C-alpha atoms as a PDB file:
ATOM      1  CA  UNK A   1       2.462   3.366  13.632  1.00  0.00           C
ATOM      2  CA  UNK A   2       5.359   1.076  12.541  1.00  0.00           C
ATOM      3  CA  UNK A   3       3.029  -1.938  12.579  1.00  0.00           C
ATOM      4  CA  UNK A   4       1.968  -0.722   9.376  1.00  0.00           C
ATOM      5  CA  UNK A   5       5.059  -2.039   7.698  1.00  0.00           C
ATOM      6  CA  UNK A   6       4.370  -5.353   8.696  1.00  0.00           C
ATOM      7  CA  UNK A   7       1.887  -6.411   6.018  1.00  0.00           C
ATOM      8  CA  UNK A   8      -0.379  -9.442   6.403  1.00  0.00           C
ATOM      9  CA  UNK A   9       1.150 -12.334   3.999  1.00  0.00           C
ATOM     10  CA  UNK A  10      -2.407 -14.162   4.098  1.00  0.00           C
ATOM     11  CA  UNK A  11      -5.660 -12.924   2.410  1.00  0.00           C
ATOM     12  CA  UNK A  12      -7.275 -13.581   5.798  1.00  0.00           C
ATOM     13  CA  UNK A  13      -4.870 -11.262   7.816  1.00  0.00           C
ATOM     14  CA  UNK A  14      -5.813  -7.600   8.578  1.00  0.00           C
ATOM     15  CA  UNK A  15      -3.774  -4.793  10.316  1.00  0.00           C
ATOM     16  CA  UNK A  16      -5.969  -3.740  13.334  1.00  0.00           C
ATOM     17  CA  UNK A  17      -8.878  -5.251  11.721  1.00  0.00           C
ATOM     18  CA  UNK A  18      -8.775  -2.373   9.150  1.00  0.00           C
ATOM     19  CA  UNK A  19      -6.663  -3.047   6.272  1.00  0.00           C
ATOM     20  CA  UNK A  20      -6.571  -6.304   4.594  1.00  0.00           C
ATOM     21  CA  UNK A  21      -4.482  -8.037   1.762  1.00  0.00           C
ATOM     22  CA  UNK A  22      -6.482  -7.391  -1.446  1.00  0.00           C
ATOM     23  CA  UNK A  23      -4.215  -8.497  -4.073  1.00  0.00           C
ATOM     24  CA  UNK A  24      -0.556  -9.198  -4.898  1.00  0.00           C
ATOM     25  CA  UNK A  25       0.610  -7.960  -8.185  1.00  0.00           C
ATOM     26  CA  UNK A  26       4.030  -8.456 -10.041  1.00  0.00           C
ATOM     27  CA  UNK A  27       4.835  -4.932 -10.805  1.00  0.00           C
ATOM     28  CA  UNK A  28       3.579  -1.314 -10.926  1.00  0.00           C
ATOM     29  CA  UNK A  29       5.395   1.523 -12.809  1.00  0.00           C
ATOM     30  CA  UNK A  30       5.222   4.624 -10.888  1.00  0.00           C
ATOM     31  CA  UNK A  31       7.074   7.887 -12.217  1.00  0.00           C
ATOM     32  CA  UNK A  32       9.116   5.892 -14.481  1.00  0.00           C
ATOM     33  CA  UNK A  33      10.331   3.461 -11.915  1.00  0.00           C
ATOM     34  CA  UNK A  34       9.301  -0.265 -12.085  1.00  0.00           C
ATOM     35  CA  UNK A  35       8.332  -1.512  -8.785  1.00  0.00           C
ATOM     36  CA  UNK A  36       7.889  -5.361  -8.151  1.00  0.00           C
ATOM     37  CA  UNK A  37       6.184  -7.735  -5.842  1.00  0.00           C
ATOM     38  CA  UNK A  38       3.368  -5.466  -4.773  1.00  0.00           C
ATOM     39  CA  UNK A  39       0.726  -6.154  -1.927  1.00  0.00           C
ATOM     40  CA  UNK A  40      -2.466  -4.086  -2.365  1.00  0.00           C
ATOM     41  CA  UNK A  41      -3.906  -3.458   1.073  1.00  0.00           C
ATOM     42  CA  UNK A  42      -7.637  -2.283   1.279  1.00  0.00           C
ATOM     43  CA  UNK A  43      -9.401  -0.409   4.303  1.00  0.00           C
ATOM     44  CA  UNK A  44     -12.373  -3.110   4.792  1.00  0.00           C
ATOM     45  CA  UNK A  45     -14.262  -0.157   6.916  1.00  0.00           C
ATOM     46  CA  UNK A  46     -16.291   2.140   4.930  1.00  0.00           C
ATOM     47  CA  UNK A  47     -14.541   5.396   5.542  1.00  0.00           C
ATOM     48  CA  UNK A  48     -14.876   9.059   4.099  1.00  0.00           C
ATOM     49  CA  UNK A  49     -12.664  12.026   3.388  1.00  0.00           C
ATOM     50  CA  UNK A  50      -8.888  11.909   3.458  1.00  0.00           C
ATOM     51  CA  UNK A  51      -8.631   8.427   4.997  1.00  0.00           C
ATOM     52  CA  UNK A  52      -6.724   5.765   3.109  1.00  0.00           C
ATOM     53  CA  UNK A  53      -8.913   3.473   0.930  1.00  0.00           C
ATOM     54  CA  UNK A  54      -6.081   1.599  -0.566  1.00  0.00           C
ATOM     55  CA  UNK A  55      -2.365   1.185  -0.305  1.00  0.00           C
ATOM     56  CA  UNK A  56       0.330  -0.535  -2.362  1.00  0.00           C
ATOM     57  CA  UNK A  57       3.414  -1.818  -0.565  1.00  0.00           C
ATOM     58  CA  UNK A  58       6.479  -2.576  -2.199  1.00  0.00           C
ATOM     59  CA  UNK A  59       8.874  -5.165  -0.586  1.00  0.00           C
ATOM     60  CA  UNK A  60      12.201  -3.427   0.607  1.00  0.00           C
ATOM     61  CA  UNK A  61      10.858   0.077  -0.363  1.00  0.00           C
ATOM     62  CA  UNK A  62       7.511   0.547   1.442  1.00  0.00           C
ATOM     63  CA  UNK A  63       4.312   2.373   0.728  1.00  0.00           C
ATOM     64  CA  UNK A  64       4.571   3.441  -2.997  1.00  0.00           C
ATOM     65  CA  UNK A  65       0.917   4.582  -3.627  1.00  0.00           C
ATOM     66  CA  UNK A  66      -2.065   5.565  -1.642  1.00  0.00           C
ATOM     67  CA  UNK A  67      -5.703   6.136  -2.785  1.00  0.00           C
ATOM     68  CA  UNK A  68      -7.847   7.944  -0.386  1.00  0.00           C
ATOM     69  CA  UNK A  69     -11.560   7.692  -0.275  1.00  0.00           C
ATOM     70  CA  UNK A  70     -12.007  11.507  -1.384  1.00  0.00           C
ATOM     71  CA  UNK A  71     -10.261  10.519  -4.514  1.00  0.00           C
ATOM     72  CA  UNK A  72      -6.894  11.859  -3.879  1.00  0.00           C
ATOM     73  CA  UNK A  73      -3.753   9.621  -4.972  1.00  0.00           C
ATOM     74  CA  UNK A  74      -0.476   9.749  -3.588  1.00  0.00           C
ATOM     75  CA  UNK A  75       2.647   8.399  -5.328  1.00  0.00           C
ATOM     76  CA  UNK A  76       6.078   7.964  -4.231  1.00  0.00           C
ATOM     77  CA  UNK A  77       8.456  10.398  -6.216  1.00  0.00           C
ATOM     78  CA  UNK A  78      11.568   8.723  -5.563  1.00  0.00           C
ATOM     79  CA  UNK A  79      13.687   6.400  -2.981  1.00  0.00           C
ATOM     80  CA  UNK A  80      16.941   5.548  -2.178  1.00  0.00           C
ATOM     81  CA  UNK A  81      18.239   2.435  -0.344  1.00  0.00           C
ATOM     82  CA  UNK A  82      21.412   2.669   1.271  1.00  0.00           C
ATOM     83  CA  UNK A  83      23.582  -0.375   0.797  1.00  0.00           C
END
């Protein structure tokens, strides 16, 4: 749901007791685009298959990368912010 876009700011916080803030990194380049201020969210429950293990969230953009438990990786292709 929409609540997934309100990511925790503290390392102790979780979303629905599932995703927690694992790390914050300065930048990540995906498809030749530099994204900055990245929060890395990790699923603290052991899951399997096509459920999300790790999500990378960029401020003012949204989810830019997902790593699933089955090894799949989804990455953003492009984004456009209307000013």
